[in-house]
Amino acid sequence: MTVETTEGFVRVAALSELEPDTPVRVVVNGVAVSLVHAEGEVFAINDICSHANVSLSEGEVDGCAIECWLHGSSFDLRTGKPSGLPATRPVPVYPVKIEGDDVLVSVTQES
């Protein structure tokens, strides 16, 4: 069950259940999102690589970047921008709120 707040944020996970540097795929209002707890923050980035239609949550996290497992493009978790080929287009990132142990994401406010 997902609960949407008035600001468009949806609870997607418990912070205590997120392992550092381990992406988790969640679906928020029909949008696949990779949720990553890295460097003391939680990031939400679109789960689909902009180069190939594969899940970023199956890739590895290094600092504030997630690497696509298929061709090796890395994306900045803060901005969604790729740091190298073959990807040239960014992927959307989404705002995250932490309320107690709840992790909330809004896919209506892309940044």
PDB file of N, CA and C in Angstrom:
ATOM      1  N   MET A   1       0.846  -1.187   0.000  1.00  0.00           N
ATOM      2  CA  MET A   1       0.000   0.000   0.000  1.00  0.00           C
ATOM      3  C   MET A   1       0.886   1.243   0.000  1.00  0.00           C
ATOM      4  N   THR A   2       0.569   2.185  -0.875  1.00  0.00           N
ATOM      5  CA  THR A   2       1.305   3.451  -0.862  1.00  0.00           C
ATOM      6  C   THR A   2       0.384   4.537  -0.349  1.00  0.00           C
ATOM      7  N   VAL A   3       0.953   5.443   0.390  1.00  0.00           N
ATOM      8  CA  VAL A   3       0.186   6.550   0.944  1.00  0.00           C
ATOM      9  C   VAL A   3       0.765   7.838   0.383  1.00  0.00           C
ATOM     10  N   GLU A   4      -0.050   8.618  -0.316  1.00  0.00           N
ATOM     11  CA  GLU A   4       0.424   9.868  -0.889  1.00  0.00           C
ATOM     12  C   GLU A   4       0.069  11.017   0.044  1.00  0.00           C
ATOM     13  N   THR A   5       1.029  11.902   0.259  1.00  0.00           N
ATOM     14  CA  THR A   5       0.775  13.069   1.080  1.00  0.00           C
ATOM     15  C   THR A   5       0.281  14.197   0.182  1.00  0.00           C
ATOM     16  N   THR A   6      -0.109  15.301   0.774  1.00  0.00           N
ATOM     17  CA  THR A   6      -0.649  16.414  -0.002  1.00  0.00           C
ATOM     18  C   THR A   6       0.375  17.044  -0.937  1.00  0.00           C
ATOM     19  N   GLU A   7       1.665  16.912  -0.644  1.00  0.00           N
ATOM     20  CA  GLU A   7       2.685  17.499  -1.515  1.00  0.00           C
ATOM     21  C   GLU A   7       3.067  16.581  -2.662  1.00  0.00           C
ATOM     22  N   GLY A   8       2.420  15.437  -2.827  1.00  0.00           N
ATOM     23  CA  GLY A   8       2.744  14.516  -3.906  1.00  0.00           C
ATOM     24  C   GLY A   8       3.812  13.496  -3.548  1.00  0.00           C
ATOM     25  N   PHE A   9       4.259  13.470  -2.307  1.00  0.00           N
ATOM     26  CA  PHE A   9       5.257  12.497  -1.883  1.00  0.00           C
ATOM     27  C   PHE A   9       4.587  11.187  -1.478  1.00  0.00           C
ATOM     28  N   VAL A  10       5.233  10.083  -1.817  1.00  0.00           N
ATOM     29  CA  VAL A  10       4.718   8.747  -1.524  1.00  0.00           C
ATOM     30  C   VAL A  10       5.756   7.994  -0.711  1.00  0.00           C
ATOM     31  N   ARG A  11       5.307   7.311   0.344  1.00  0.00           N
ATOM     32  CA  ARG A  11       6.226   6.476   1.138  1.00  0.00           C
ATOM     33  C   ARG A  11       6.613   5.267   0.294  1.00  0.00           C
ATOM     34  N   VAL A  12       7.929   5.047   0.152  1.00  0.00           N
ATOM     35  CA  VAL A  12       8.397   3.951  -0.694  1.00  0.00           C
ATOM     36  C   VAL A  12       9.211   2.909   0.059  1.00  0.00           C
ATOM     37  N   ALA A  13       9.737   3.268   1.228  1.00  0.00           N
ATOM     38  CA  ALA A  13      10.585   2.334   1.965  1.00  0.00           C
ATOM     39  C   ALA A  13      10.810   2.839   3.379  1.00  0.00           C
ATOM     40  N   ALA A  14      11.358   1.949   4.191  1.00  0.00           N
ATOM     41  CA  ALA A  14      11.831   2.336   5.520  1.00  0.00           C
ATOM     42  C   ALA A  14      13.332   2.592   5.422  1.00  0.00           C
ATOM     43  N   LEU A  15      13.777   3.703   5.961  1.00  0.00           N
ATOM     44  CA  LEU A  15      15.193   4.048   5.929  1.00  0.00           C
ATOM     45  C   LEU A  15      16.039   2.933   6.549  1.00  0.00           C
ATOM     46  N   SER A  16      15.558   2.354   7.624  1.00  0.00           N
ATOM     47  CA  SER A  16      16.308   1.302   8.322  1.00  0.00           C
ATOM     48  C   SER A  16      16.488   0.047   7.476  1.00  0.00           C
ATOM     49  N   GLU A  17      15.709  -0.108   6.422  1.00  0.00           N
ATOM     50  CA  GLU A  17      15.818  -1.294   5.564  1.00  0.00           C
ATOM     51  C   GLU A  17      16.749  -1.078   4.369  1.00  0.00           C
ATOM     52  N   LEU A  18      17.190   0.159   4.131  1.00  0.00           N
ATOM     53  CA  LEU A  18      18.056   0.437   2.989  1.00  0.00           C
ATOM     54  C   LEU A  18      19.514   0.193   3.359  1.00  0.00           C
ATOM     55  N   GLU A  19      20.167  -0.684   2.593  1.00  0.00           N
ATOM     56  CA  GLU A  19      21.585  -0.944   2.818  1.00  0.00           C
ATOM     57  C   GLU A  19      22.405   0.093   2.061  1.00  0.00           C
ATOM     58  N   PRO A  20      23.446   0.620   2.674  1.00  0.00           N
ATOM     59  CA  PRO A  20      24.279   1.607   1.986  1.00  0.00           C
ATOM     60  C   PRO A  20      24.832   1.066   0.665  1.00  0.00           C
ATOM     61  N   ASP A  21      24.807   1.929  -0.350  1.00  0.00           N
ATOM     62  CA  ASP A  21      25.369   1.632  -1.665  1.00  0.00           C
ATOM     63  C   ASP A  21      24.733   0.432  -2.362  1.00  0.00           C
ATOM     64  N   THR A  22      23.488   0.121  -1.995  1.00  0.00           N
ATOM     65  CA  THR A  22      22.767  -0.985  -2.624  1.00  0.00           C
ATOM     66  C   THR A  22      21.457  -0.455  -3.198  1.00  0.00           C
ATOM     67  N   PRO A  23      21.368  -0.305  -4.514  1.00  0.00           N
ATOM     68  CA  PRO A  23      20.151   0.232  -5.125  1.00  0.00           C
ATOM     69  C   PRO A  23      18.958  -0.700  -4.924  1.00  0.00           C
ATOM     70  N   VAL A  24      17.784  -0.086  -4.767  1.00  0.00           N
ATOM     71  CA  VAL A  24      16.541  -0.827  -4.631  1.00  0.00           C
ATOM     72  C   VAL A  24      15.547  -0.256  -5.630  1.00  0.00           C
ATOM     73  N   ARG A  25      14.926  -1.134  -6.416  1.00  0.00           N
ATOM     74  CA  ARG A  25      13.924  -0.684  -7.384  1.00  0.00           C
ATOM     75  C   ARG A  25      12.575  -0.597  -6.692  1.00  0.00           C
ATOM     76  N   VAL A  26      11.936   0.565  -6.826  1.00  0.00           N
ATOM     77  CA  VAL A  26      10.583   0.778  -6.327  1.00  0.00           C
ATOM     78  C   VAL A  26       9.767   1.396  -7.455  1.00  0.00           C
ATOM     79  N   VAL A  27       8.464   1.272  -7.358  1.00  0.00           N
ATOM     80  CA  VAL A  27       7.580   1.889  -8.347  1.00  0.00           C
ATOM     81  C   VAL A  27       6.739   2.926  -7.628  1.00  0.00           C
ATOM     82  N   VAL A  28       6.806   4.166  -8.123  1.00  0.00           N
ATOM     83  CA  VAL A  28       6.073   5.281  -7.520  1.00  0.00           C
ATOM     84  C   VAL A  28       5.107   5.830  -8.563  1.00  0.00           C
ATOM     85  N   ASN A  29       3.832   5.677  -8.315  1.00  0.00           N
ATOM     86  CA  ASN A  29       2.804   6.155  -9.257  1.00  0.00           C
ATOM     87  C   ASN A  29       3.086   5.702 -10.688  1.00  0.00           C
ATOM     88  N   GLY A  30       3.496   4.449 -10.832  1.00  0.00           N
ATOM     89  CA  GLY A  30       3.749   3.884 -12.149  1.00  0.00           C
ATOM     90  C   GLY A  30       5.123   4.146 -12.723  1.00  0.00           C
ATOM     91  N   VAL A  31       5.975   4.872 -12.001  1.00  0.00           N
ATOM     92  CA  VAL A  31       7.320   5.205 -12.476  1.00  0.00           C
ATOM     93  C   VAL A  31       8.343   4.341 -11.737  1.00  0.00           C
ATOM     94  N   ALA A  32       9.178   3.619 -12.483  1.00  0.00           N
ATOM     95  CA  ALA A  32      10.244   2.819 -11.880  1.00  0.00           C
ATOM     96  C   ALA A  32      11.355   3.747 -11.405  1.00  0.00           C
ATOM     97  N   VAL A  33      11.728   3.605 -10.143  1.00  0.00           N
ATOM     98  CA  VAL A  33      12.719   4.469  -9.510  1.00  0.00           C
ATOM     99  C   VAL A  33      13.762   3.596  -8.820  1.00  0.00           C
ATOM    100  N   SER A  34      15.019   3.991  -8.936  1.00  0.00           N
ATOM    101  CA  SER A  34      16.083   3.346  -8.187  1.00  0.00           C
ATOM    102  C   SER A  34      16.344   4.194  -6.952  1.00  0.00           C
ATOM    103  N   LEU A  35      16.182   3.585  -5.805  1.00  0.00           N
ATOM    104  CA  LEU A  35      16.366   4.256  -4.523  1.00  0.00           C
ATOM    105  C   LEU A  35      17.736   3.848  -3.990  1.00  0.00           C
ATOM    106  N   VAL A  36      18.568   4.858  -3.647  1.00  0.00           N
ATOM    107  CA  VAL A  36      19.942   4.567  -3.234  1.00  0.00           C
ATOM    108  C   VAL A  36      20.288   5.349  -1.968  1.00  0.00           C
ATOM    109  N   HIS A  37      20.774   4.617  -0.953  1.00  0.00           N
ATOM    110  CA  HIS A  37      21.287   5.243   0.269  1.00  0.00           C
ATOM    111  C   HIS A  37      22.802   5.283   0.114  1.00  0.00           C
ATOM    112  N   ALA A  38      23.333   6.479  -0.157  1.00  0.00           N
ATOM    113  CA  ALA A  38      24.769   6.626  -0.399  1.00  0.00           C
ATOM    114  C   ALA A  38      25.285   7.903   0.238  1.00  0.00           C
ATOM    115  N   GLU A  39      26.472   7.825   0.786  1.00  0.00           N
ATOM    116  CA  GLU A  39      27.136   8.975   1.395  1.00  0.00           C
ATOM    117  C   GLU A  39      26.242   9.730   2.373  1.00  0.00           C
ATOM    118  N   GLY A  40      25.469   8.984   3.158  1.00  0.00           N
ATOM    119  CA  GLY A  40      24.634   9.569   4.197  1.00  0.00           C
ATOM    120  C   GLY A  40      23.338  10.188   3.716  1.00  0.00           C
ATOM    121  N   GLU A  41      23.037  10.079   2.434  1.00  0.00           N
ATOM    122  CA  GLU A  41      21.801  10.632   1.879  1.00  0.00           C
ATOM    123  C   GLU A  41      21.036   9.543   1.141  1.00  0.00           C
ATOM    124  N   VAL A  42      19.762   9.814   0.869  1.00  0.00           N
ATOM    125  CA  VAL A  42      18.960   8.912   0.060  1.00  0.00           C
ATOM    126  C   VAL A  42      18.614   9.637  -1.237  1.00  0.00           C
ATOM    127  N   PHE A  43      18.856   8.960  -2.342  1.00  0.00           N
ATOM    128  CA  PHE A  43      18.613   9.511  -3.668  1.00  0.00           C
ATOM    129  C   PHE A  43      17.574   8.680  -4.395  1.00  0.00           C
ATOM    130  N   ALA A  44      16.815   9.342  -5.262  1.00  0.00           N
ATOM    131  CA  ALA A  44      15.845   8.663  -6.118  1.00  0.00           C
ATOM    132  C   ALA A  44      16.123   9.093  -7.553  1.00  0.00           C
ATOM    133  N   ILE A  45      16.418   8.116  -8.397  1.00  0.00           N
ATOM    134  CA  ILE A  45      16.753   8.373  -9.791  1.00  0.00           C
ATOM    135  C   ILE A  45      15.933   7.422 -10.647  1.00  0.00           C
ATOM    136  N   ASN A  46      15.515   7.884 -11.809  1.00  0.00           N
ATOM    137  CA  ASN A  46      14.744   7.009 -12.692  1.00  0.00           C
ATOM    138  C   ASN A  46      15.528   5.724 -12.910  1.00  0.00           C
ATOM    139  N   ASP A  47      14.835   4.602 -12.872  1.00  0.00           N
ATOM    140  CA  ASP A  47      15.502   3.312 -12.900  1.00  0.00           C
ATOM    141  C   ASP A  47      15.926   2.865 -14.294  1.00  0.00           C
ATOM    142  N   ILE A  48      15.547   3.577 -15.328  1.00  0.00           N
ATOM    143  CA  ILE A  48      15.845   3.141 -16.692  1.00  0.00           C
ATOM    144  C   ILE A  48      16.997   3.960 -17.282  1.00  0.00           C
ATOM    145  N   CYS A  49      18.045   3.272 -17.700  1.00  0.00           N
ATOM    146  CA  CYS A  49      19.198   3.909 -18.323  1.00  0.00           C
ATOM    147  C   CYS A  49      18.755   4.652 -19.579  1.00  0.00           C
ATOM    148  N   SER A  50      19.308   5.845 -19.793  1.00  0.00           N
ATOM    149  CA  SER A  50      18.929   6.646 -20.961  1.00  0.00           C
ATOM    150  C   SER A  50      19.577   6.141 -22.252  1.00  0.00           C
ATOM    151  N   HIS A  51      20.538   5.259 -22.139  1.00  0.00           N
ATOM    152  CA  HIS A  51      21.206   4.706 -23.324  1.00  0.00           C
ATOM    153  C   HIS A  51      20.554   3.409 -23.783  1.00  0.00           C
ATOM    154  N   ALA A  52      20.258   2.542 -22.846  1.00  0.00           N
ATOM    155  CA  ALA A  52      19.643   1.256 -23.156  1.00  0.00           C
ATOM    156  C   ALA A  52      18.525   1.023 -22.148  1.00  0.00           C
ATOM    157  N   ASN A  53      17.507   0.336 -22.540  1.00  0.00           N
ATOM    158  CA  ASN A  53      16.340   0.132 -21.693  1.00  0.00           C
ATOM    159  C   ASN A  53      16.609  -0.955 -20.652  1.00  0.00           C
ATOM    160  N   VAL A  54      17.516  -0.659 -19.708  1.00  0.00           N
ATOM    161  CA  VAL A  54      17.845  -1.610 -18.646  1.00  0.00           C
ATOM    162  C   VAL A  54      17.745  -0.917 -17.286  1.00  0.00           C
ATOM    163  N   SER A  55      17.587  -1.729 -16.257  1.00  0.00           N
ATOM    164  CA  SER A  55      17.393  -1.233 -14.901  1.00  0.00           C
ATOM    165  C   SER A  55      18.698  -0.779 -14.269  1.00  0.00           C
ATOM    166  N   LEU A  56      18.744   0.481 -13.839  1.00  0.00           N
ATOM    167  CA  LEU A  56      19.924   0.990 -13.144  1.00  0.00           C
ATOM    168  C   LEU A  56      20.074   0.369 -11.752  1.00  0.00           C
ATOM    169  N   SER A  57      18.973  -0.060 -11.157  1.00  0.00           N
ATOM    170  CA  SER A  57      19.055  -0.625  -9.811  1.00  0.00           C
ATOM    171  C   SER A  57      19.801  -1.962  -9.788  1.00  0.00           C
ATOM    172  N   GLU A  58      20.090  -2.515 -10.962  1.00  0.00           N
ATOM    173  CA  GLU A  58      20.898  -3.734 -11.026  1.00  0.00           C
ATOM    174  C   GLU A  58      22.385  -3.418 -11.129  1.00  0.00           C
ATOM    175  N   GLY A  59      22.719  -2.122 -11.182  1.00  0.00           N
ATOM    176  CA  GLY A  59      24.106  -1.698 -11.301  1.00  0.00           C
ATOM    177  C   GLY A  59      24.754  -1.481  -9.948  1.00  0.00           C
ATOM    178  N   GLU A  60      25.981  -0.994  -9.992  1.00  0.00           N
ATOM    179  CA  GLU A  60      26.738  -0.746  -8.770  1.00  0.00           C
ATOM    180  C   GLU A  60      26.790   0.734  -8.454  1.00  0.00           C
ATOM    181  N   VAL A  61      26.909   1.033  -7.162  1.00  0.00           N
ATOM    182  CA  VAL A  61      26.997   2.414  -6.688  1.00  0.00           C
ATOM    183  C   VAL A  61      28.431   2.685  -6.260  1.00  0.00           C
ATOM    184  N   ASP A  62      28.951   3.845  -6.677  1.00  0.00           N
ATOM    185  CA  ASP A  62      30.288   4.282  -6.274  1.00  0.00           C
ATOM    186  C   ASP A  62      30.182   5.752  -5.901  1.00  0.00           C
ATOM    187  N   GLY A  63      30.230   6.036  -4.612  1.00  0.00           N
ATOM    188  CA  GLY A  63      30.049   7.415  -4.147  1.00  0.00           C
ATOM    189  C   GLY A  63      28.654   7.887  -4.478  1.00  0.00           C
ATOM    190  N   CYS A  64      28.545   8.980  -5.222  1.00  0.00           N
ATOM    191  CA  CYS A  64      27.243   9.529  -5.621  1.00  0.00           C
ATOM    192  C   CYS A  64      26.942   9.219  -7.082  1.00  0.00           C
ATOM    193  N   ALA A  65      27.369   8.051  -7.541  1.00  0.00           N
ATOM    194  CA  ALA A  65      27.109   7.645  -8.925  1.00  0.00           C
ATOM    195  C   ALA A  65      26.595   6.215  -8.958  1.00  0.00           C
ATOM    196  N   ILE A  66      25.729   5.951  -9.931  1.00  0.00           N
ATOM    197  CA  ILE A  66      25.244   4.601 -10.162  1.00  0.00           C
ATOM    198  C   ILE A  66      25.642   4.208 -11.573  1.00  0.00           C
ATOM    199  N   GLU A  67      26.154   3.000 -11.706  1.00  0.00           N
ATOM    200  CA  GLU A  67      26.646   2.532 -12.998  1.00  0.00           C
ATOM    201  C   GLU A  67      25.657   1.561 -13.627  1.00  0.00           C
ATOM    202  N   CYS A  68      25.377   1.775 -14.897  1.00  0.00           N
ATOM    203  CA  CYS A  68      24.543   0.848 -15.651  1.00  0.00           C
ATOM    204  C   CYS A  68      25.345  -0.435 -15.863  1.00  0.00           C
ATOM    205  N   TRP A  69      24.759  -1.553 -15.518  1.00  0.00           N
ATOM    206  CA  TRP A  69      25.469  -2.826 -15.586  1.00  0.00           C
ATOM    207  C   TRP A  69      25.720  -3.298 -17.019  1.00  0.00           C
ATOM    208  N   LEU A  70      24.948  -2.804 -17.990  1.00  0.00           N
ATOM    209  CA  LEU A  70      25.058  -3.330 -19.344  1.00  0.00           C
ATOM    210  C   LEU A  70      26.236  -2.745 -20.124  1.00  0.00           C
ATOM    211  N   HIS A  71      26.356  -1.423 -20.147  1.00  0.00           N
ATOM    212  CA  HIS A  71      27.408  -0.795 -20.950  1.00  0.00           C
ATOM    213  C   HIS A  71      28.356   0.078 -20.135  1.00  0.00           C
ATOM    214  N   GLY A  72      28.125   0.203 -18.821  1.00  0.00           N
ATOM    215  CA  GLY A  72      29.076   0.892 -17.968  1.00  0.00           C
ATOM    216  C   GLY A  72      28.924   2.392 -17.815  1.00  0.00           C
ATOM    217  N   SER A  73      27.876   2.985 -18.373  1.00  0.00           N
ATOM    218  CA  SER A  73      27.669   4.420 -18.151  1.00  0.00           C
ATOM    219  C   SER A  73      27.329   4.668 -16.693  1.00  0.00           C
ATOM    220  N   SER A  74      27.869   5.739 -16.129  1.00  0.00           N
ATOM    221  CA  SER A  74      27.548   6.117 -14.758  1.00  0.00           C
ATOM    222  C   SER A  74      26.714   7.389 -14.767  1.00  0.00           C
ATOM    223  N   PHE A  75      25.798   7.481 -13.796  1.00  0.00           N
ATOM    224  CA  PHE A  75      24.927   8.638 -13.674  1.00  0.00           C
ATOM    225  C   PHE A  75      25.065   9.216 -12.276  1.00  0.00           C
ATOM    226  N   ASP A  76      25.158  10.544 -12.195  1.00  0.00           N
ATOM    227  CA  ASP A  76      25.235  11.240 -10.917  1.00  0.00           C
ATOM    228  C   ASP A  76      23.888  11.100 -10.216  1.00  0.00           C
ATOM    229  N   LEU A  77      23.888  10.605  -8.995  1.00  0.00           N
ATOM    230  CA  LEU A  77      22.646  10.405  -8.252  1.00  0.00           C
ATOM    231  C   LEU A  77      21.966  11.722  -7.899  1.00  0.00           C
ATOM    232  N   ARG A  78      22.726  12.817  -7.863  1.00  0.00           N
ATOM    233  CA  ARG A  78      22.161  14.119  -7.504  1.00  0.00           C
ATOM    234  C   ARG A  78      21.511  14.809  -8.693  1.00  0.00           C
ATOM    235  N   THR A  79      22.085  14.627  -9.890  1.00  0.00           N
ATOM    236  CA  THR A  79      21.622  15.378 -11.059  1.00  0.00           C
ATOM    237  C   THR A  79      21.069  14.505 -12.175  1.00  0.00           C
ATOM    238  N   GLY A  80      21.433  13.227 -12.185  1.00  0.00           N
ATOM    239  CA  GLY A  80      21.022  12.333 -13.257  1.00  0.00           C
ATOM    240  C   GLY A  80      21.897  12.415 -14.486  1.00  0.00           C
ATOM    241  N   LYS A  81      22.896  13.291 -14.483  1.00  0.00           N
ATOM    242  CA  LYS A  81      23.759  13.473 -15.656  1.00  0.00           C
ATOM    243  C   LYS A  81      24.735  12.314 -15.798  1.00  0.00           C
ATOM    244  N   PRO A  82      24.928  11.855 -17.045  1.00  0.00           N
ATOM    245  CA  PRO A  82      25.904  10.787 -17.270  1.00  0.00           C
ATOM    246  C   PRO A  82      27.322  11.335 -17.189  1.00  0.00           C
ATOM    247  N   SER A  83      28.236  10.494 -16.730  1.00  0.00           N
ATOM    248  CA  SER A  83      29.626  10.939 -16.630  1.00  0.00           C
ATOM    249  C   SER A  83      30.502  10.356 -17.731  1.00  0.00           C
ATOM    250  N   GLY A  84      29.916   9.550 -18.580  1.00  0.00           N
ATOM    251  CA  GLY A  84      30.706   8.989 -19.666  1.00  0.00           C
ATOM    252  C   GLY A  84      29.857   8.209 -20.639  1.00  0.00           C
ATOM    253  N   LEU A  85      30.444   7.939 -21.785  1.00  0.00           N
ATOM    254  CA  LEU A  85      29.755   7.197 -22.838  1.00  0.00           C
ATOM    255  C   LEU A  85      29.520   5.749 -22.410  1.00  0.00           C
ATOM    256  N   PRO A  86      28.547   5.091 -22.997  1.00  0.00           N
ATOM    257  CA  PRO A  86      27.804   5.504 -24.174  1.00  0.00           C
ATOM    258  C   PRO A  86      26.596   6.399 -23.893  1.00  0.00           C
ATOM    259  N   ALA A  87      26.178   6.556 -22.650  1.00  0.00           N
ATOM    260  CA  ALA A  87      25.027   7.423 -22.365  1.00  0.00           C
ATOM    261  C   ALA A  87      25.404   8.882 -22.565  1.00  0.00           C
ATOM    262  N   THR A  88      24.515   9.645 -23.187  1.00  0.00           N
ATOM    263  CA  THR A  88      24.738  11.076 -23.387  1.00  0.00           C
ATOM    264  C   THR A  88      23.601  11.909 -22.813  1.00  0.00           C
ATOM    265  N   ARG A  89      22.475  11.285 -22.513  1.00  0.00           N
ATOM    266  CA  ARG A  89      21.315  11.997 -21.967  1.00  0.00           C
ATOM    267  C   ARG A  89      21.161  11.691 -20.480  1.00  0.00           C
ATOM    268  N   PRO A  90      20.798  12.691 -19.681  1.00  0.00           N
ATOM    269  CA  PRO A  90      20.566  12.441 -18.257  1.00  0.00           C
ATOM    270  C   PRO A  90      19.280  11.647 -18.039  1.00  0.00           C
ATOM    271  N   VAL A  91      19.170  11.097 -16.850  1.00  0.00           N
ATOM    272  CA  VAL A  91      17.921  10.455 -16.434  1.00  0.00           C
ATOM    273  C   VAL A  91      17.312  11.314 -15.334  1.00  0.00           C
ATOM    274  N   PRO A  92      15.987  11.311 -15.225  1.00  0.00           N
ATOM    275  CA  PRO A  92      15.350  12.148 -14.201  1.00  0.00           C
ATOM    276  C   PRO A  92      15.731  11.728 -12.778  1.00  0.00           C
ATOM    277  N   VAL A  93      15.865  12.718 -11.909  1.00  0.00           N
ATOM    278  CA  VAL A  93      16.019  12.487 -10.476  1.00  0.00           C
ATOM    279  C   VAL A  93      14.807  13.088  -9.780  1.00  0.00           C
ATOM    280  N   TYR A  94      14.507  12.566  -8.604  1.00  0.00           N
ATOM    281  CA  TYR A  94      13.289  12.960  -7.913  1.00  0.00           C
ATOM    282  C   TYR A  94      13.594  13.386  -6.482  1.00  0.00           C
ATOM    283  N   PRO A  95      12.801  14.319  -5.959  1.00  0.00           N
ATOM    284  CA  PRO A  95      13.005  14.770  -4.579  1.00  0.00           C
ATOM    285  C   PRO A  95      12.677  13.661  -3.574  1.00  0.00           C
ATOM    286  N   VAL A  96      13.457  13.631  -2.501  1.00  0.00           N
ATOM    287  CA  VAL A  96      13.290  12.638  -1.438  1.00  0.00           C
ATOM    288  C   VAL A  96      13.113  13.385  -0.117  1.00  0.00           C
ATOM    289  N   LYS A  97      12.199  12.888   0.710  1.00  0.00           N
ATOM    290  CA  LYS A  97      12.028  13.398   2.076  1.00  0.00           C
ATOM    291  C   LYS A  97      12.172  12.221   3.026  1.00  0.00           C
ATOM    292  N   ILE A  98      12.793  12.482   4.164  1.00  0.00           N
ATOM    293  CA  ILE A  98      12.881  11.483   5.221  1.00  0.00           C
ATOM    294  C   ILE A  98      12.051  12.001   6.384  1.00  0.00           C
ATOM    295  N   GLU A  99      11.071  11.215   6.786  1.00  0.00           N
ATOM    296  CA  GLU A  99      10.228  11.567   7.938  1.00  0.00           C
ATOM    297  C   GLU A  99      10.273  10.404   8.910  1.00  0.00           C
ATOM    298  N   GLY A 100      11.059  10.574   9.982  1.00  0.00           N
ATOM    299  CA  GLY A 100      11.270   9.464  10.903  1.00  0.00           C
ATOM    300  C   GLY A 100      12.036   8.370  10.187  1.00  0.00           C
ATOM    301  N   ASP A 101      11.421   7.180  10.077  1.00  0.00           N
ATOM    302  CA  ASP A 101      12.043   6.063   9.360  1.00  0.00           C
ATOM    303  C   ASP A 101      11.455   5.900   7.959  1.00  0.00           C
ATOM    304  N   ASP A 102      10.554   6.792   7.581  1.00  0.00           N
ATOM    305  CA  ASP A 102       9.907   6.698   6.274  1.00  0.00           C
ATOM    306  C   ASP A 102      10.688   7.458   5.208  1.00  0.00           C
ATOM    307  N   VAL A 103      10.871   6.811   4.054  1.00  0.00           N
ATOM    308  CA  VAL A 103      11.480   7.446   2.889  1.00  0.00           C
ATOM    309  C   VAL A 103      10.352   7.752   1.919  1.00  0.00           C
ATOM    310  N   LEU A 104      10.201   9.032   1.577  1.00  0.00           N
ATOM    311  CA  LEU A 104       9.152   9.466   0.672  1.00  0.00           C
ATOM    312  C   LEU A 104       9.763  10.051  -0.592  1.00  0.00           C
ATOM    313  N   VAL A 105       9.134   9.762  -1.739  1.00  0.00           N
ATOM    314  CA  VAL A 105       9.611  10.233  -3.027  1.00  0.00           C
ATOM    315  C   VAL A 105       8.457  10.858  -3.775  1.00  0.00           C
ATOM    316  N   SER A 106       8.735  11.934  -4.519  1.00  0.00           N
ATOM    317  CA  SER A 106       7.740  12.555  -5.390  1.00  0.00           C
ATOM    318  C   SER A 106       8.223  12.459  -6.821  1.00  0.00           C
ATOM    319  N   VAL A 107       7.429  11.804  -7.672  1.00  0.00           N
ATOM    320  CA  VAL A 107       7.793  11.737  -9.093  1.00  0.00           C
ATOM    321  C   VAL A 107       7.080  12.825  -9.889  1.00  0.00           C
ATOM    322  N   THR A 108       6.286  13.639  -9.220  1.00  0.00           N
ATOM    323  CA  THR A 108       5.589  14.730  -9.906  1.00  0.00           C
ATOM    324  C   THR A 108       6.441  15.971 -10.010  1.00  0.00           C
ATOM    325  N   GLN A 109       7.555  16.017  -9.247  1.00  0.00           N
ATOM    326  CA  GLN A 109       8.418  17.198  -9.223  1.00  0.00           C
ATOM    327  C   GLN A 109       9.821  16.825  -9.655  1.00  0.00           C
ATOM    328  N   GLU A 110      10.010  16.530 -10.936  1.00  0.00           N
ATOM    329  CA  GLU A 110      11.330  16.175 -11.422  1.00  0.00           C
ATOM    330  C   GLU A 110      12.267  17.358 -11.255  1.00  0.00           C
ATOM    331  N   SER A 111      13.521  17.039 -10.909  1.00  0.00           N
ATOM    332  CA  SER A 111      14.507  18.110 -10.779  1.00  0.00           C
ATOM    333  C   SER A 111      15.710  17.815 -11.632  1.00  0.00           C
TER     334      SER A 111
END
